[in-house]
């Protein structure tokens, strides 16, 4: 279990516990590496003094996975960093579905549907599809999870 006060270590070969939430976080840049003693072959530090960490992209996390160095991070720890929950996502989906209900109701009653409503329906269907696919994606993570490594 990862405590919020201590950074997870990357020297563990336990990436079997990773799921879609971890994948979304990797794609968002939620993981940062704090290299403390990394230097080049000539002995010069890799990071300049104004740069304290390296934000890992999805490719960087994939490289850690290939090397067997993925940290063990609980899904609840990642979900806790998200700025939205299931209720706010459900409310947005209900609002989008309400437009669909209104347009279908107007069609059933023989009333006209404007071009603006038809255009908005296209956006609503796309939004619902995105909410369905991204339901478990954390939202607006501001501070990356610091991975300590030397």
N, C-alpha and C. Protein backbone atom coordinates (compact mmCIF):
# COMPACT_ATOMS: atom_id res chain seq x y z
N UNK A 1 0.84 -1.17 0.00
CA UNK A 1 0.00 0.00 0.00
C UNK A 1 0.89 1.24 0.00
N UNK A 2 0.49 2.25 -0.80
CA UNK A 2 1.27 3.47 -0.91
C UNK A 2 0.69 4.49 0.05
N UNK A 3 1.54 5.00 0.91
CA UNK A 3 1.14 6.05 1.83
C UNK A 3 1.30 7.38 1.13
N UNK A 4 0.40 8.33 1.38
CA UNK A 4 0.45 9.61 0.69
C UNK A 4 1.67 10.42 1.09
N UNK A 5 2.33 10.07 2.16
CA UNK A 5 3.49 10.83 2.61
C UNK A 5 4.80 10.30 2.02
N UNK A 6 4.81 9.10 1.51
CA UNK A 6 6.04 8.55 0.98
C UNK A 6 5.86 8.17 -0.47
N UNK A 7 6.89 8.37 -1.25
CA UNK A 7 6.84 8.06 -2.67
C UNK A 7 7.07 6.57 -2.88
N UNK A 8 6.37 5.98 -3.85
CA UNK A 8 6.58 4.57 -4.13
C UNK A 8 7.97 4.35 -4.72
N UNK A 9 8.54 3.21 -4.44
CA UNK A 9 9.86 2.92 -4.99
C UNK A 9 9.70 2.17 -6.30
N UNK A 10 10.68 2.29 -7.18
CA UNK A 10 10.57 1.66 -8.50
C UNK A 10 11.40 0.39 -8.61
N UNK A 11 11.91 -0.10 -7.51
CA UNK A 11 12.77 -1.28 -7.60
C UNK A 11 12.01 -2.59 -7.37
N UNK A 12 10.70 -2.56 -7.55
CA UNK A 12 9.91 -3.76 -7.34
C UNK A 12 9.37 -4.26 -8.68
N UNK A 13 9.36 -5.55 -8.87
CA UNK A 13 8.86 -6.15 -10.10
C UNK A 13 7.43 -6.64 -9.86
N UNK A 14 6.50 -5.71 -9.72
CA UNK A 14 5.11 -6.06 -9.40
C UNK A 14 4.16 -5.29 -10.30
N UNK A 15 4.28 -5.40 -11.59
CA UNK A 15 3.40 -4.66 -12.48
C UNK A 15 2.13 -5.43 -12.84
N UNK A 16 1.94 -6.60 -12.26
CA UNK A 16 0.74 -7.38 -12.57
C UNK A 16 -0.50 -6.74 -11.97
N UNK A 17 -0.36 -5.86 -10.99
CA UNK A 17 -1.50 -5.20 -10.38
C UNK A 17 -1.96 -3.95 -11.12
N UNK A 18 -1.33 -3.63 -12.21
CA UNK A 18 -1.71 -2.43 -12.96
C UNK A 18 -2.98 -2.70 -13.75
N UNK A 19 -3.83 -1.68 -13.86
CA UNK A 19 -5.09 -1.81 -14.60
C UNK A 19 -5.28 -0.58 -15.47
N UNK A 20 -6.48 -0.36 -15.95
CA UNK A 20 -6.76 0.72 -16.89
C UNK A 20 -6.54 2.10 -16.25
N UNK A 21 -6.80 2.23 -14.96
CA UNK A 21 -6.58 3.51 -14.27
C UNK A 21 -5.09 3.85 -14.29
N UNK A 22 -4.24 2.87 -14.05
CA UNK A 22 -2.80 3.08 -14.12
C UNK A 22 -2.38 3.49 -15.54
N UNK A 23 -2.99 2.85 -16.54
CA UNK A 23 -2.69 3.17 -17.93
C UNK A 23 -3.08 4.59 -18.28
N UNK A 24 -4.27 5.01 -17.84
CA UNK A 24 -4.69 6.39 -18.08
C UNK A 24 -3.72 7.37 -17.42
N UNK A 25 -3.32 7.07 -16.19
CA UNK A 25 -2.39 7.95 -15.48
C UNK A 25 -1.05 8.01 -16.20
N UNK A 26 -0.60 6.89 -16.73
CA UNK A 26 0.66 6.89 -17.47
C UNK A 26 0.56 7.78 -18.70
N UNK A 27 -0.56 7.72 -19.40
CA UNK A 27 -0.76 8.55 -20.58
C UNK A 27 -0.90 10.03 -20.27
N UNK A 28 -1.35 10.34 -19.07
CA UNK A 28 -1.54 11.74 -18.66
C UNK A 28 -0.28 12.37 -18.09
N UNK A 29 0.74 11.59 -17.87
CA UNK A 29 1.95 12.13 -17.25
C UNK A 29 1.85 12.23 -15.75
N UNK A 30 1.14 11.31 -15.13
CA UNK A 30 0.94 11.33 -13.67
C UNK A 30 2.14 10.82 -12.90
N UNK A 31 3.12 10.28 -13.58
CA UNK A 31 4.28 9.72 -12.90
C UNK A 31 5.52 10.53 -13.23
N UNK A 32 6.29 10.84 -12.22
CA UNK A 32 7.53 11.58 -12.40
C UNK A 32 8.64 10.84 -11.69
N UNK A 33 9.79 10.83 -12.31
CA UNK A 33 10.96 10.15 -11.76
C UNK A 33 11.86 11.19 -11.11
N UNK A 34 12.25 10.93 -9.87
CA UNK A 34 13.17 11.80 -9.15
C UNK A 34 14.54 11.14 -9.12
N UNK A 35 15.34 11.35 -10.16
CA UNK A 35 16.66 10.74 -10.15
C UNK A 35 17.59 11.53 -9.25
N UNK A 36 18.11 10.89 -8.23
CA UNK A 36 18.94 11.61 -7.27
C UNK A 36 20.41 11.61 -7.66
N UNK A 37 20.88 10.53 -8.23
CA UNK A 37 22.32 10.43 -8.51
C UNK A 37 22.61 10.04 -9.96
N UNK A 38 21.73 10.40 -10.87
CA UNK A 38 21.96 10.01 -12.26
C UNK A 38 22.95 10.96 -12.93
N UNK A 39 23.99 10.39 -13.52
CA UNK A 39 24.99 11.17 -14.24
C UNK A 39 25.29 10.47 -15.56
N UNK A 40 25.89 11.21 -16.46
CA UNK A 40 26.31 10.62 -17.74
C UNK A 40 27.62 9.88 -17.53
N UNK A 41 28.15 9.31 -18.61
CA UNK A 41 29.42 8.57 -18.53
C UNK A 41 30.57 9.48 -18.12
N UNK A 42 30.46 10.76 -18.45
CA UNK A 42 31.54 11.70 -18.10
C UNK A 42 31.41 12.25 -16.69
N UNK A 43 30.34 11.90 -15.99
CA UNK A 43 30.17 12.35 -14.61
C UNK A 43 29.34 13.60 -14.45
N UNK A 44 28.82 14.15 -15.54
CA UNK A 44 27.97 15.35 -15.43
C UNK A 44 26.55 14.92 -15.10
N UNK A 45 25.87 15.69 -14.24
CA UNK A 45 24.49 15.32 -13.88
C UNK A 45 23.56 15.42 -15.08
N UNK A 46 22.58 14.52 -15.12
CA UNK A 46 21.62 14.51 -16.23
C UNK A 46 20.67 15.71 -16.12
N UNK A 47 20.25 16.02 -14.92
CA UNK A 47 19.32 17.13 -14.71
C UNK A 47 20.07 18.38 -14.28
N UNK A 48 19.63 19.51 -14.78
CA UNK A 48 20.19 20.79 -14.35
C UNK A 48 19.58 21.16 -13.01
N UNK A 49 20.17 22.09 -12.28
CA UNK A 49 19.64 22.44 -10.94
C UNK A 49 18.19 22.94 -10.96
N UNK A 50 17.75 23.57 -12.05
CA UNK A 50 16.37 24.05 -12.06
C UNK A 50 15.36 22.96 -12.38
N UNK A 51 15.81 21.79 -12.82
CA UNK A 51 14.93 20.66 -13.08
C UNK A 51 15.14 19.60 -12.01
N UNK A 52 14.11 19.35 -11.26
CA UNK A 52 14.21 18.41 -10.14
C UNK A 52 13.66 17.02 -10.45
N UNK A 53 12.88 16.91 -11.53
CA UNK A 53 12.29 15.60 -11.82
C UNK A 53 12.05 15.46 -13.31
N UNK A 54 11.87 14.23 -13.73
CA UNK A 54 11.54 13.89 -15.11
C UNK A 54 10.11 13.34 -15.14
N UNK A 55 9.24 13.99 -15.89
CA UNK A 55 7.87 13.49 -16.03
C UNK A 55 7.89 12.37 -17.07
N UNK A 56 7.36 11.23 -16.69
CA UNK A 56 7.36 10.07 -17.57
C UNK A 56 6.16 10.12 -18.51
N UNK A 57 6.43 9.91 -19.78
CA UNK A 57 5.35 9.76 -20.75
C UNK A 57 4.90 8.31 -20.74
N UNK A 58 3.92 8.01 -21.56
CA UNK A 58 3.45 6.62 -21.66
C UNK A 58 4.58 5.70 -22.14
N UNK A 59 5.43 6.21 -23.03
CA UNK A 59 6.55 5.41 -23.51
C UNK A 59 7.57 5.16 -22.39
N UNK A 60 7.75 6.16 -21.53
CA UNK A 60 8.66 5.98 -20.40
C UNK A 60 8.17 4.93 -19.43
N UNK A 61 6.87 4.93 -19.19
CA UNK A 61 6.30 3.92 -18.29
C UNK A 61 6.37 2.55 -18.95
N UNK A 62 6.18 2.50 -20.28
CA UNK A 62 6.30 1.22 -20.99
C UNK A 62 7.73 0.69 -20.89
N UNK A 63 8.71 1.59 -20.93
CA UNK A 63 10.11 1.17 -20.79
C UNK A 63 10.36 0.62 -19.38
N UNK A 64 9.78 1.27 -18.37
CA UNK A 64 9.89 0.73 -17.01
C UNK A 64 9.26 -0.66 -16.92
N UNK A 65 8.13 -0.84 -17.61
CA UNK A 65 7.46 -2.14 -17.59
C UNK A 65 8.33 -3.20 -18.26
N UNK A 66 8.98 -2.84 -19.37
CA UNK A 66 9.85 -3.79 -20.05
C UNK A 66 11.04 -4.19 -19.18
N UNK A 67 11.49 -3.24 -18.37
CA UNK A 67 12.62 -3.52 -17.47
C UNK A 67 12.18 -4.17 -16.16
N UNK A 68 10.87 -4.30 -15.96
CA UNK A 68 10.35 -4.89 -14.73
C UNK A 68 10.47 -3.97 -13.53
N UNK A 69 10.37 -2.67 -13.76
CA UNK A 69 10.55 -1.71 -12.67
C UNK A 69 9.30 -0.89 -12.36
N UNK A 70 8.14 -1.40 -12.73
CA UNK A 70 6.92 -0.65 -12.42
C UNK A 70 6.65 -0.67 -10.92
N UNK A 71 6.24 0.46 -10.37
CA UNK A 71 5.94 0.49 -8.94
C UNK A 71 4.58 -0.14 -8.65
N UNK A 72 4.41 -0.55 -7.42
CA UNK A 72 3.10 -1.05 -6.97
C UNK A 72 2.34 0.14 -6.39
N UNK A 73 1.32 0.57 -7.09
CA UNK A 73 0.52 1.71 -6.66
C UNK A 73 -0.93 1.26 -6.67
N UNK A 74 -1.61 1.47 -5.56
CA UNK A 74 -3.01 1.06 -5.46
C UNK A 74 -3.90 1.93 -6.33
N UNK A 75 -4.92 1.33 -6.91
CA UNK A 75 -5.86 2.06 -7.75
C UNK A 75 -6.57 3.14 -6.95
N UNK A 76 -6.90 2.88 -5.70
CA UNK A 76 -7.58 3.89 -4.88
C UNK A 76 -6.72 5.12 -4.67
N UNK A 77 -5.41 4.95 -4.61
CA UNK A 77 -4.49 6.08 -4.47
C UNK A 77 -4.57 6.97 -5.71
N UNK A 78 -4.67 6.36 -6.89
CA UNK A 78 -4.77 7.13 -8.12
C UNK A 78 -6.13 7.79 -8.25
N UNK A 79 -7.19 7.06 -7.89
CA UNK A 79 -8.53 7.64 -7.96
C UNK A 79 -8.70 8.80 -6.99
N UNK A 80 -7.96 8.77 -5.89
CA UNK A 80 -8.04 9.83 -4.90
C UNK A 80 -7.49 11.14 -5.45
N UNK A 81 -6.59 11.07 -6.42
CA UNK A 81 -6.03 12.28 -7.01
C UNK A 81 -6.96 12.92 -8.03
N UNK A 82 -8.00 12.20 -8.44
CA UNK A 82 -8.93 12.71 -9.45
C UNK A 82 -9.82 13.80 -8.88
N UNK A 83 -10.19 14.73 -9.73
CA UNK A 83 -11.03 15.85 -9.30
C UNK A 83 -12.51 15.64 -9.61
N UNK A 84 -12.88 14.44 -10.04
CA UNK A 84 -14.30 14.14 -10.26
C UNK A 84 -14.57 12.71 -9.82
N UNK A 85 -15.83 12.45 -9.56
CA UNK A 85 -16.20 11.11 -9.13
C UNK A 85 -17.30 10.59 -10.05
N UNK A 86 -17.79 9.42 -9.75
CA UNK A 86 -18.83 8.81 -10.57
C UNK A 86 -20.11 9.61 -10.63
N UNK A 87 -20.44 10.31 -9.54
CA UNK A 87 -21.67 11.10 -9.51
C UNK A 87 -21.61 12.25 -10.51
N UNK A 88 -20.51 12.97 -10.55
CA UNK A 88 -20.41 14.09 -11.49
C UNK A 88 -20.42 13.59 -12.94
N UNK A 89 -19.80 12.44 -13.19
CA UNK A 89 -19.83 11.87 -14.54
C UNK A 89 -21.24 11.40 -14.90
N UNK A 90 -21.94 10.82 -13.91
CA UNK A 90 -23.31 10.38 -14.15
C UNK A 90 -24.23 11.55 -14.44
N UNK A 91 -24.07 12.65 -13.72
CA UNK A 91 -24.90 13.84 -13.96
C UNK A 91 -24.68 14.36 -15.38
N UNK A 92 -23.43 14.40 -15.83
CA UNK A 92 -23.15 14.85 -17.19
C UNK A 92 -23.80 13.92 -18.21
N UNK A 93 -23.76 12.62 -17.98
CA UNK A 93 -24.38 11.67 -18.90
C UNK A 93 -25.90 11.80 -18.91
N UNK A 94 -26.49 12.04 -17.75
CA UNK A 94 -27.94 12.23 -17.67
C UNK A 94 -28.36 13.49 -18.43
N UNK A 95 -27.59 14.56 -18.30
CA UNK A 95 -27.90 15.80 -19.03
C UNK A 95 -27.81 15.57 -20.53
N UNK A 96 -26.79 14.82 -20.96
CA UNK A 96 -26.65 14.54 -22.39
C UNK A 96 -27.79 13.65 -22.88
N UNK A 97 -28.16 12.66 -22.07
CA UNK A 97 -29.25 11.76 -22.46
C UNK A 97 -30.60 12.50 -22.49
N UNK A 98 -30.73 13.53 -21.68
CA UNK A 98 -31.99 14.29 -21.65
C UNK A 98 -32.25 14.95 -23.00
N UNK A 99 -31.21 15.43 -23.67
CA UNK A 99 -31.39 16.02 -24.99
C UNK A 99 -31.88 14.96 -25.97
N UNK A 100 -31.34 13.76 -25.87
CA UNK A 100 -31.78 12.67 -26.75
C UNK A 100 -33.26 12.38 -26.51
N UNK A 101 -33.67 12.33 -25.25
CA UNK A 101 -35.08 12.07 -24.92
C UNK A 101 -35.97 13.17 -25.48
N UNK A 102 -35.53 14.42 -25.37
CA UNK A 102 -36.33 15.54 -25.89
C UNK A 102 -36.49 15.46 -27.40
N UNK A 103 -35.41 15.17 -28.10
CA UNK A 103 -35.48 15.11 -29.56
C UNK A 103 -36.34 13.93 -30.01
N UNK A 104 -36.20 12.78 -29.37
CA UNK A 104 -37.03 11.63 -29.72
C UNK A 104 -38.50 11.93 -29.43
N UNK A 105 -38.77 12.57 -28.30
CA UNK A 105 -40.14 12.94 -27.97
C UNK A 105 -40.75 13.89 -28.99
N UNK A 106 -39.97 14.83 -29.47
CA UNK A 106 -40.48 15.76 -30.48
C UNK A 106 -40.73 15.05 -31.80
N UNK A 107 -39.86 14.11 -32.15
CA UNK A 107 -40.08 13.34 -33.38
C UNK A 107 -41.34 12.48 -33.27
N UNK A 108 -41.58 11.88 -32.11
CA UNK A 108 -42.76 11.05 -31.91
C UNK A 108 -44.04 11.88 -32.02
N UNK A 109 -43.99 13.11 -31.50
CA UNK A 109 -45.16 14.00 -31.56
C UNK A 109 -45.32 14.69 -32.91
N UNK A 110 -44.37 14.47 -33.81
CA UNK A 110 -44.46 15.08 -35.14
C UNK A 110 -43.99 16.52 -35.18
N UNK A 111 -43.29 16.97 -34.15
CA UNK A 111 -42.77 18.33 -34.14
C UNK A 111 -41.44 18.38 -34.89
N UNK A 112 -41.07 19.58 -35.31
CA UNK A 112 -39.83 19.73 -36.06
C UNK A 112 -38.62 19.73 -35.12
N UNK A 113 -37.52 19.25 -35.66
CA UNK A 113 -36.24 19.28 -34.96
C UNK A 113 -35.31 20.17 -35.77
N UNK A 114 -34.70 21.14 -35.12
CA UNK A 114 -33.85 22.09 -35.83
C UNK A 114 -32.50 21.48 -36.17
N UNK A 115 -31.82 22.11 -37.11
CA UNK A 115 -30.48 21.65 -37.49
C UNK A 115 -29.50 21.79 -36.33
N UNK A 116 -29.70 22.79 -35.51
CA UNK A 116 -28.83 22.97 -34.34
C UNK A 116 -28.98 21.80 -33.38
N UNK A 117 -30.21 21.33 -33.19
CA UNK A 117 -30.44 20.18 -32.30
C UNK A 117 -29.84 18.90 -32.89
N UNK A 118 -29.93 18.75 -34.21
CA UNK A 118 -29.35 17.57 -34.85
C UNK A 118 -27.83 17.61 -34.71
N UNK A 119 -27.25 18.78 -34.90
CA UNK A 119 -25.80 18.93 -34.72
C UNK A 119 -25.41 18.63 -33.27
N UNK A 120 -26.18 19.13 -32.33
CA UNK A 120 -25.89 18.89 -30.92
C UNK A 120 -26.03 17.42 -30.58
N UNK A 121 -26.96 16.72 -31.23
CA UNK A 121 -27.10 15.28 -31.02
C UNK A 121 -25.81 14.53 -31.37
N UNK A 122 -25.17 14.94 -32.45
CA UNK A 122 -23.90 14.33 -32.82
C UNK A 122 -22.86 14.51 -31.73
N UNK A 123 -22.81 15.71 -31.16
CA UNK A 123 -21.87 15.97 -30.06
C UNK A 123 -22.24 15.17 -28.82
N UNK A 124 -23.52 15.02 -28.57
CA UNK A 124 -23.99 14.27 -27.40
C UNK A 124 -23.60 12.80 -27.52
N UNK A 125 -23.79 12.22 -28.69
CA UNK A 125 -23.43 10.82 -28.87
C UNK A 125 -21.92 10.62 -28.68
N UNK A 126 -21.13 11.56 -29.21
CA UNK A 126 -19.67 11.47 -29.02
C UNK A 126 -19.30 11.62 -27.54
N UNK A 127 -19.96 12.55 -26.86
CA UNK A 127 -19.67 12.76 -25.44
C UNK A 127 -20.02 11.53 -24.62
N UNK A 128 -21.16 10.92 -24.90
CA UNK A 128 -21.54 9.71 -24.17
C UNK A 128 -20.57 8.57 -24.43
N UNK A 129 -20.09 8.44 -25.66
CA UNK A 129 -19.12 7.41 -25.98
C UNK A 129 -17.81 7.66 -25.22
N UNK A 130 -17.39 8.92 -25.18
CA UNK A 130 -16.16 9.25 -24.46
C UNK A 130 -16.32 8.98 -22.96
N UNK A 131 -17.46 9.37 -22.39
CA UNK A 131 -17.68 9.08 -20.97
C UNK A 131 -17.67 7.59 -20.70
N UNK A 132 -18.24 6.81 -21.62
CA UNK A 132 -18.24 5.36 -21.45
C UNK A 132 -16.82 4.80 -21.47
N UNK A 133 -16.02 5.25 -22.42
CA UNK A 133 -14.66 4.74 -22.55
C UNK A 133 -13.71 5.28 -21.48
N UNK A 134 -13.97 6.50 -21.00
CA UNK A 134 -13.08 7.15 -20.04
C UNK A 134 -13.65 7.19 -18.64
N UNK A 135 -14.59 6.31 -18.32
CA UNK A 135 -15.24 6.37 -17.02
C UNK A 135 -14.23 6.27 -15.87
N UNK A 136 -13.21 5.45 -16.02
CA UNK A 136 -12.23 5.23 -14.94
C UNK A 136 -11.01 6.14 -15.04
N UNK A 137 -11.01 7.08 -15.98
CA UNK A 137 -9.87 7.98 -16.14
C UNK A 137 -9.89 9.06 -15.07
N UNK A 138 -8.78 9.22 -14.34
CA UNK A 138 -8.72 10.32 -13.38
C UNK A 138 -8.79 11.66 -14.11
N UNK A 139 -9.32 12.66 -13.45
CA UNK A 139 -9.52 13.96 -14.08
C UNK A 139 -8.71 15.02 -13.35
N UNK A 140 -8.01 15.84 -14.12
CA UNK A 140 -7.30 17.02 -13.63
C UNK A 140 -6.30 16.70 -12.51
N UNK A 141 -5.46 15.73 -12.72
CA UNK A 141 -4.41 15.44 -11.74
C UNK A 141 -3.35 16.53 -11.88
N UNK A 142 -3.13 17.28 -10.82
CA UNK A 142 -2.25 18.44 -10.87
C UNK A 142 -0.79 18.10 -10.53
N UNK A 143 -0.59 17.24 -9.54
CA UNK A 143 0.75 16.93 -9.06
C UNK A 143 1.06 15.48 -9.40
N UNK A 144 2.16 15.23 -10.13
CA UNK A 144 2.47 13.84 -10.49
C UNK A 144 2.91 13.03 -9.27
N UNK A 145 2.77 11.73 -9.39
CA UNK A 145 3.23 10.82 -8.34
C UNK A 145 4.73 10.67 -8.50
N UNK A 146 5.44 10.96 -7.44
CA UNK A 146 6.89 10.96 -7.49
C UNK A 146 7.43 9.56 -7.26
N UNK A 147 8.19 9.06 -8.23
CA UNK A 147 8.83 7.76 -8.11
C UNK A 147 10.30 7.99 -7.78
N UNK A 148 10.75 7.46 -6.66
CA UNK A 148 12.13 7.64 -6.27
C UNK A 148 12.99 6.56 -6.89
N UNK A 149 14.13 6.95 -7.38
CA UNK A 149 15.06 5.99 -7.98
C UNK A 149 16.44 6.60 -8.08
N UNK A 150 17.42 5.76 -8.08
CA UNK A 150 18.79 6.25 -8.21
C UNK A 150 19.42 5.70 -9.46
